[in-house]
N, C-alpha and C. Protein backbone atom coordinates (compact mmCIF):
# COMPACT_ATOMS: atom_id res chain seq x y z
N UNK A 1 61.63 118.57 -47.38
CA UNK A 1 60.38 119.39 -47.79
C UNK A 1 59.51 118.26 -48.25
N UNK A 2 58.23 118.51 -47.22
CA UNK A 2 57.28 117.29 -47.46
C UNK A 2 56.71 117.58 -49.05
N UNK A 3 56.19 116.44 -49.01
CA UNK A 3 55.49 115.88 -50.72
C UNK A 3 54.45 116.57 -51.25
N UNK A 4 53.34 117.74 -50.18
CA UNK A 4 52.87 118.82 -51.37
C UNK A 4 53.39 119.74 -51.41
N UNK A 5 54.66 120.55 -50.62
CA UNK A 5 55.44 121.34 -50.73
C UNK A 5 56.37 121.21 -52.32
N UNK A 6 57.06 119.59 -52.35
CA UNK A 6 57.79 119.22 -53.54
C UNK A 6 56.93 119.40 -54.84
N UNK A 7 55.36 119.27 -54.80
CA UNK A 7 54.66 118.82 -55.75
C UNK A 7 54.30 120.65 -56.54
N UNK A 8 54.06 120.98 -55.19
CA UNK A 8 53.69 122.80 -55.78
C UNK A 8 54.99 123.48 -56.19
N UNK A 9 56.01 122.98 -55.81
CA UNK A 9 57.53 123.55 -56.60
C UNK A 9 57.63 122.69 -57.83
N UNK A 10 57.26 121.75 -57.90
CA UNK A 10 57.27 121.04 -59.15
C UNK A 10 56.39 121.73 -60.20
N UNK A 11 55.19 122.12 -60.04
CA UNK A 11 54.31 122.67 -60.88
C UNK A 11 54.57 124.30 -60.76
N UNK A 12 55.11 124.96 -59.87
CA UNK A 12 55.83 126.20 -60.25
C UNK A 12 56.52 126.75 -61.26
N UNK A 13 57.12 125.97 -62.01
CA UNK A 13 57.85 126.29 -62.94
C UNK A 13 57.51 125.94 -64.41
N UNK A 14 57.16 126.84 -65.51
CA UNK A 14 56.52 126.56 -66.65
C UNK A 14 57.12 125.18 -67.68
N UNK A 15 58.53 125.21 -67.62
CA UNK A 15 59.09 124.02 -67.92
C UNK A 15 59.01 122.98 -67.48
N UNK A 16 58.75 122.50 -66.09
CA UNK A 16 58.21 121.71 -65.57
C UNK A 16 57.03 121.12 -66.06
N UNK A 17 56.35 121.96 -66.05
CA UNK A 17 54.59 122.05 -66.63
C UNK A 17 54.70 121.46 -67.98
N UNK A 18 55.74 121.85 -68.69
CA UNK A 18 55.86 121.74 -70.38
C UNK A 18 56.23 119.79 -70.16
N UNK A 19 56.93 119.66 -69.66
CA UNK A 19 57.20 118.50 -69.36
C UNK A 19 56.53 117.75 -68.99
N UNK A 20 55.63 117.57 -68.16
CA UNK A 20 54.36 116.86 -67.97
C UNK A 20 53.30 117.03 -68.73
N UNK A 21 52.93 117.89 -69.91
CA UNK A 21 52.12 118.08 -71.02
C UNK A 21 52.72 116.94 -71.76
N UNK A 22 54.36 117.10 -72.23
CA UNK A 22 54.57 116.45 -73.02
C UNK A 22 54.44 114.72 -72.95
N UNK A 23 54.83 114.55 -71.66
CA UNK A 23 54.38 112.97 -70.92
C UNK A 23 52.97 112.58 -70.80
N UNK A 24 52.14 113.74 -70.85
CA UNK A 24 50.47 113.59 -70.81
C UNK A 24 50.20 112.99 -72.34
N UNK A 25 50.82 114.20 -73.51
CA UNK A 25 50.77 113.63 -74.57
C UNK A 25 50.98 112.29 -75.22
N UNK A 26 52.40 111.42 -74.59
CA UNK A 26 53.17 110.76 -75.26
C UNK A 26 54.16 110.15 -73.90
N UNK A 27 53.53 109.17 -73.10
CA UNK A 27 54.06 108.72 -72.24
C UNK A 27 55.37 107.83 -72.68
N UNK A 28 56.27 107.77 -71.33
CA UNK A 28 57.36 106.96 -71.77
C UNK A 28 58.60 107.61 -72.79
N UNK A 29 59.13 108.71 -72.45
CA UNK A 29 59.70 109.19 -73.31
C UNK A 29 60.99 109.42 -72.92
N UNK A 30 61.97 109.27 -73.74
CA UNK A 30 63.47 109.12 -73.31
C UNK A 30 63.96 110.61 -72.76
N UNK A 31 64.90 110.74 -72.70
CA UNK A 31 65.42 112.56 -72.38
C UNK A 31 65.84 113.06 -73.35
N UNK A 32 66.49 112.64 -74.55
CA UNK A 32 66.53 113.05 -75.78
C UNK A 32 65.25 113.13 -76.33
N UNK A 33 63.93 112.54 -76.31
CA UNK A 33 62.60 112.76 -76.79
C UNK A 33 62.26 114.09 -76.26
N UNK A 34 62.34 114.38 -75.13
CA UNK A 34 61.95 115.28 -73.97
C UNK A 34 62.67 116.66 -74.83
N UNK A 35 64.13 116.73 -74.68
CA UNK A 35 64.80 117.63 -75.39
C UNK A 35 64.51 118.05 -76.31
N UNK A 36 64.10 117.22 -77.15
CA UNK A 36 63.35 117.90 -79.22
C UNK A 36 62.42 119.10 -78.72
N UNK A 37 61.93 118.92 -77.70
CA UNK A 37 60.58 120.13 -77.02
C UNK A 37 61.00 121.28 -76.52
N UNK A 38 62.16 121.14 -76.12
CA UNK A 38 62.52 122.00 -75.12
C UNK A 38 64.19 123.27 -75.63
N UNK A 39 63.57 124.31 -75.25
CA UNK A 39 64.77 125.31 -75.64
C UNK A 39 65.80 125.17 -74.67
N UNK A 40 66.09 124.30 -73.92
CA UNK A 40 67.27 124.10 -72.80
C UNK A 40 67.66 123.34 -73.30
N UNK A 41 69.58 123.20 -72.38
CA UNK A 41 70.17 122.23 -72.54
C UNK A 41 69.59 120.61 -71.65
N UNK A 42 70.51 119.80 -72.23
CA UNK A 42 70.14 118.35 -71.75
C UNK A 42 70.18 118.66 -70.10
N UNK A 43 71.44 119.04 -69.67
CA UNK A 43 71.59 119.42 -68.04
C UNK A 43 70.15 119.80 -67.20
N UNK A 44 69.76 120.92 -68.42
CA UNK A 44 68.82 121.62 -67.36
C UNK A 44 67.48 120.82 -67.46
N UNK A 45 66.87 120.05 -68.49
CA UNK A 45 65.72 119.07 -68.48
C UNK A 45 66.12 117.84 -67.58
N UNK A 46 67.56 117.62 -67.67
CA UNK A 46 67.74 116.52 -66.34
C UNK A 46 67.06 116.84 -64.88
N UNK A 47 67.60 118.44 -64.48
CA UNK A 47 67.33 118.86 -63.41
C UNK A 47 66.03 119.01 -63.32
N UNK A 48 64.98 119.50 -64.15
CA UNK A 48 64.00 119.66 -64.37
C UNK A 48 63.08 118.17 -64.07
N UNK A 49 63.62 117.32 -64.34
CA UNK A 49 63.14 115.88 -64.64
C UNK A 49 63.51 115.11 -63.16
N UNK A 50 64.49 115.76 -62.42
CA UNK A 50 64.74 115.08 -61.20
C UNK A 50 64.18 115.72 -60.08
N UNK A 51 63.42 116.97 -60.32
CA UNK A 51 62.55 117.56 -59.26
C UNK A 51 61.01 117.10 -59.44
N UNK A 52 61.05 116.66 -60.84
CA UNK A 52 59.27 116.17 -61.08
C UNK A 52 59.37 114.56 -60.27
N UNK A 53 60.73 114.08 -60.49
CA UNK A 53 60.58 112.48 -59.75
C UNK A 53 60.76 112.66 -58.36
N UNK A 54 61.29 113.71 -57.60
CA UNK A 54 61.36 113.82 -56.44
C UNK A 54 59.88 114.10 -55.66
N UNK A 55 59.11 114.72 -56.54
CA UNK A 55 57.70 115.09 -56.42
C UNK A 55 56.73 114.22 -56.59
N UNK A 56 57.35 112.95 -57.30
CA UNK A 56 56.61 111.46 -57.52
C UNK A 56 55.71 111.71 -58.78
N UNK A 57 55.82 112.76 -59.54
CA UNK A 57 54.98 113.13 -60.83
C UNK A 57 55.68 112.30 -62.00
N UNK A 58 56.70 112.15 -61.77
CA UNK A 58 57.37 111.48 -62.87
C UNK A 58 58.10 110.47 -62.33
N UNK A 59 57.88 109.43 -63.45
CA UNK A 59 58.36 107.97 -62.45
C UNK A 59 59.33 107.50 -63.72
N UNK A 60 60.27 106.64 -63.56
CA UNK A 60 61.13 106.15 -64.72
C UNK A 60 61.28 104.61 -64.71
N UNK A 61 61.32 104.37 -66.13
CA UNK A 61 61.73 102.71 -65.92
C UNK A 61 62.82 102.58 -67.00
N UNK A 62 63.62 101.74 -66.92
CA UNK A 62 64.36 101.12 -67.83
C UNK A 62 64.37 100.20 -68.63
N UNK A 63 64.13 100.61 -69.91
CA UNK A 63 64.23 99.27 -71.02
C UNK A 63 65.73 99.34 -71.72
N UNK A 64 66.59 98.34 -71.52
CA UNK A 64 67.84 98.14 -71.64
C UNK A 64 68.52 99.41 -71.05
N UNK A 65 69.24 99.88 -72.29
CA UNK A 65 70.14 101.19 -72.02
C UNK A 65 69.23 102.64 -71.78
N UNK A 66 68.18 102.40 -71.64
CA UNK A 66 67.12 103.62 -72.17
C UNK A 66 66.22 103.81 -71.15
N UNK A 67 66.80 104.75 -70.44
CA UNK A 67 65.66 105.38 -69.34
C UNK A 67 64.69 105.98 -69.76
N UNK A 68 63.17 105.66 -69.65
CA UNK A 68 61.81 106.13 -69.96
C UNK A 68 61.30 106.76 -68.82
N UNK A 69 60.53 107.97 -69.35
CA UNK A 69 59.96 109.05 -68.19
C UNK A 69 58.69 108.45 -68.24
N UNK A 70 57.85 108.45 -67.27
CA UNK A 70 56.43 108.03 -67.46
C UNK A 70 55.63 108.94 -66.47
N UNK A 71 54.49 109.96 -66.78
CA UNK A 71 53.75 110.78 -65.94
C UNK A 71 53.00 109.52 -65.28
N UNK A 72 53.10 110.33 -63.26
CA UNK A 72 52.40 109.65 -62.37
C UNK A 72 51.13 110.59 -62.12
N UNK A 73 49.96 110.14 -62.56
CA UNK A 73 48.90 111.33 -62.12
C UNK A 73 48.70 111.52 -60.81
N UNK A 74 48.66 110.55 -60.03
CA UNK A 74 48.58 109.90 -58.44
C UNK A 74 48.58 111.70 -57.55
N UNK A 75 49.77 112.14 -57.51
CA UNK A 75 50.11 113.01 -56.97
C UNK A 75 49.02 114.48 -56.82
N UNK A 76 49.00 114.66 -58.46
CA UNK A 76 47.93 115.53 -59.12
C UNK A 76 46.45 115.60 -58.69
N UNK A 77 46.19 114.14 -58.71
CA UNK A 77 45.01 113.99 -58.20
C UNK A 77 44.72 114.10 -56.93
N UNK A 78 45.74 113.57 -56.11
CA UNK A 78 45.84 113.81 -54.43
C UNK A 78 45.29 115.49 -54.15
N UNK A 79 46.14 116.51 -54.81
CA UNK A 79 46.29 117.75 -54.79
C UNK A 79 44.96 118.17 -55.44
N UNK A 80 44.26 117.70 -56.38
CA UNK A 80 42.93 118.42 -56.65
C UNK A 80 42.36 117.79 -55.95
N UNK A 81 42.02 116.78 -55.19
CA UNK A 81 41.17 116.29 -54.50
C UNK A 81 41.37 117.12 -52.99
N UNK A 82 42.26 117.45 -52.32
CA UNK A 82 42.86 118.06 -51.42
C UNK A 82 42.73 119.67 -51.28
N UNK A 83 42.94 120.09 -52.35
CA UNK A 83 43.05 121.91 -52.27
C UNK A 83 42.36 122.09 -53.82
N UNK A 84 41.40 122.03 -54.51
CA UNK A 84 41.10 122.35 -55.79
C UNK A 84 39.39 122.03 -55.66
N UNK A 85 39.25 120.58 -55.56
CA UNK A 85 37.93 120.27 -55.07
C UNK A 85 37.07 120.81 -54.71
N UNK A 86 37.53 121.56 -53.29
CA UNK A 86 36.08 122.14 -52.41
C UNK A 86 35.84 123.11 -52.38
N UNK A 87 36.82 123.86 -53.71
CA UNK A 87 36.04 125.25 -53.97
C UNK A 87 35.26 125.11 -55.23
N UNK A 88 35.24 124.15 -55.96
CA UNK A 88 34.11 123.70 -56.97
C UNK A 88 32.83 124.01 -56.66
N UNK A 89 32.53 123.20 -55.57
CA UNK A 89 30.82 123.09 -55.14
C UNK A 89 30.57 124.73 -54.71
N UNK A 90 30.92 125.70 -54.47
CA UNK A 90 30.02 126.62 -54.40
C UNK A 90 29.93 127.19 -55.46
N UNK A 91 30.92 127.29 -56.54
CA UNK A 91 30.87 127.69 -57.88
C UNK A 91 30.04 127.08 -58.68
N UNK A 92 29.63 125.44 -58.35
CA UNK A 92 28.73 125.06 -59.36
C UNK A 92 27.97 125.34 -58.97
N UNK A 93 27.24 125.50 -57.34
CA UNK A 93 25.87 125.69 -57.12
C UNK A 93 25.66 127.35 -57.87
N UNK A 94 26.48 128.08 -57.65
CA UNK A 94 26.26 129.42 -57.76
C UNK A 94 26.13 129.59 -59.47
N UNK A 95 26.39 128.19 -60.06
CA UNK A 95 25.85 128.43 -61.70
C UNK A 95 24.86 127.93 -61.76
N UNK A 96 24.36 126.81 -60.92
CA UNK A 96 23.03 125.87 -61.08
C UNK A 96 22.13 127.69 -60.43
N UNK A 97 22.20 128.20 -59.55
CA UNK A 97 21.18 128.82 -59.14
C UNK A 97 21.21 129.82 -60.38
N UNK A 98 22.18 130.61 -61.07
CA UNK A 98 21.91 131.61 -62.01
C UNK A 98 21.23 130.87 -63.40
N UNK A 99 21.35 129.48 -63.34
CA UNK A 99 20.67 129.08 -64.47
C UNK A 99 19.17 128.78 -64.36
N UNK A 100 19.03 128.45 -63.18
CA UNK A 100 17.61 128.58 -62.61
C UNK A 100 16.76 129.98 -62.59
N UNK A 101 17.60 131.06 -62.14
CA UNK A 101 16.76 132.58 -62.40
C UNK A 101 16.70 132.92 -63.33
N UNK A 102 17.44 132.50 -64.76
CA UNK A 102 17.63 132.66 -66.03
C UNK A 102 16.55 132.29 -66.51
N UNK A 103 16.07 130.75 -66.21
CA UNK A 103 15.15 130.17 -66.96
C UNK A 103 13.75 130.66 -66.49
N UNK A 104 13.82 130.91 -65.19
CA UNK A 104 12.49 131.63 -64.29
C UNK A 104 12.41 132.71 -65.14
N UNK A 105 13.47 133.79 -65.35
CA UNK A 105 12.82 135.04 -65.64
C UNK A 105 12.63 135.08 -67.54
N UNK A 106 12.57 133.85 -68.09
CA UNK A 106 12.32 133.86 -69.36
C UNK A 106 11.36 133.30 -69.68
N UNK A 107 10.33 132.53 -68.54
CA UNK A 107 8.87 132.10 -68.59
C UNK A 107 7.99 133.33 -68.29
């Protein structure tokens, strides 16, 4: 599976998105710290983290015997640049035109 497909698969699951939110709020968490916030088994959380690691949105670093998980925003930014950003321009232009029309009508 190619990298964009892995990323979309990783983002498709609400539990994985929750893990990303948790890491965004406080980076460098252990598996135990992440499990505290999720209603699932440790094994399930480990599997979700494995998919997030495969998609390269979570990286790990060892501190002694602790495995710390960190958010890697680079693939998300690349996804934004390739798939989302191009749709913003027409929408922003439409909002600008609407603003101009409303301002012209009020004078």
